[in-house]
Amino acid sequence: MAIILRLDRVMADRKISLNELAQRVGISNVNLSKIKTGKISAVRFSTLNAICDVLDCQPGDILEFQRDSNQ
């Protein structure tokens, strides 16, 4: 996958738990956990917006592009 999710790093920097972030964003712990671990294929912009709002960060702090090695 070329997009790497760094939500865990931003959460650690902000000292916020998965449960607290999920509650403040308004999504389930399970869905937030999937985002955090990268076990998703898409993120709604509304969800990304809410995460960035709560964590006071930019989308680029959470998402990182990495070229596939076989290209």
Protein backbone atom coordinates (compact mmCIF):
# COMPACT_ATOMS: atom_id res chain seq x y z
CA MET A 1 0.00 0.00 0.00
CA ALA A 2 1.40 3.39 -0.95
CA ILE A 3 -0.45 5.41 1.72
CA ILE A 4 0.83 4.92 5.26
CA LEU A 5 -1.35 5.93 8.20
CA ARG A 6 0.47 7.62 11.08
CA LEU A 7 -2.52 8.16 13.35
CA ASP A 8 -0.92 6.17 16.16
CA ARG A 9 2.09 8.50 16.19
CA VAL A 10 -0.06 11.66 16.28
CA MET A 11 -2.24 10.18 19.03
CA ALA A 12 0.86 9.38 21.10
CA ASP A 13 2.21 12.91 20.58
CA ARG A 14 -1.11 14.36 21.77
CA LYS A 15 -1.42 11.81 24.60
CA ILE A 16 -4.96 10.83 23.61
CA SER A 17 -6.36 7.32 23.87
CA LEU A 18 -8.25 5.43 21.20
CA ASN A 19 -11.40 5.51 23.32
CA GLU A 20 -11.24 9.25 23.94
CA LEU A 21 -10.53 10.06 20.28
CA ALA A 22 -13.32 7.79 19.07
CA GLN A 23 -15.77 9.43 21.45
CA ARG A 24 -14.74 12.97 20.50
CA VAL A 25 -14.76 12.19 16.75
CA GLY A 26 -18.08 10.35 16.97
CA ILE A 27 -17.08 6.99 15.49
CA SER A 28 -16.84 3.52 17.00
CA ASN A 29 -13.68 2.25 18.65
CA VAL A 30 -13.58 -0.58 16.11
CA ASN A 31 -13.64 1.77 13.11
CA LEU A 32 -11.03 4.08 14.63
CA SER A 33 -8.84 1.10 15.45
CA LYS A 34 -9.01 0.00 11.80
CA ILE A 35 -7.93 3.48 10.72
CA LYS A 36 -5.12 3.49 13.29
CA THR A 37 -3.78 0.11 12.17
CA GLY A 38 -4.18 0.81 8.46
CA LYS A 39 -6.70 -2.00 7.91
CA ILE A 40 -8.90 0.18 5.73
CA SER A 41 -9.08 1.04 2.06
CA ALA A 42 -10.79 4.43 2.40
CA VAL A 43 -11.43 7.22 4.89
CA ARG A 44 -14.34 9.63 4.60
CA PHE A 45 -13.30 13.24 4.40
CA SER A 46 -15.76 14.04 7.19
CA THR A 47 -14.01 11.51 9.44
CA LEU A 48 -10.57 12.82 8.49
CA ASN A 49 -11.79 16.36 9.14
CA ALA A 50 -13.09 15.42 12.59
CA ILE A 51 -9.87 13.59 13.51
CA CYS A 52 -7.74 16.55 12.43
CA ASP A 53 -10.00 18.94 14.34
CA VAL A 54 -9.76 16.96 17.58
CA LEU A 55 -6.00 16.33 17.25
CA ASP A 56 -5.29 19.87 16.00
CA CYS A 57 -3.26 18.56 13.07
CA GLN A 58 -3.15 18.52 9.28
CA PRO A 59 -4.09 15.51 7.10
CA GLY A 60 -0.43 15.26 6.12
CA ASP A 61 0.43 14.58 9.77
CA ILE A 62 -1.71 11.44 9.61
CA LEU A 63 -1.27 10.32 5.99
CA GLU A 64 2.08 9.65 4.33
CA PHE A 65 2.72 8.69 0.70
CA GLN A 66 5.35 6.04 0.06
CA ARG A 67 6.16 4.82 -3.43
CA ASP A 68 5.79 1.11 -4.08
CA SER A 69 9.22 -0.46 -4.44
CA ASN A 70 8.27 -2.35 -7.64
CA GLN A 71 7.55 0.79 -9.70
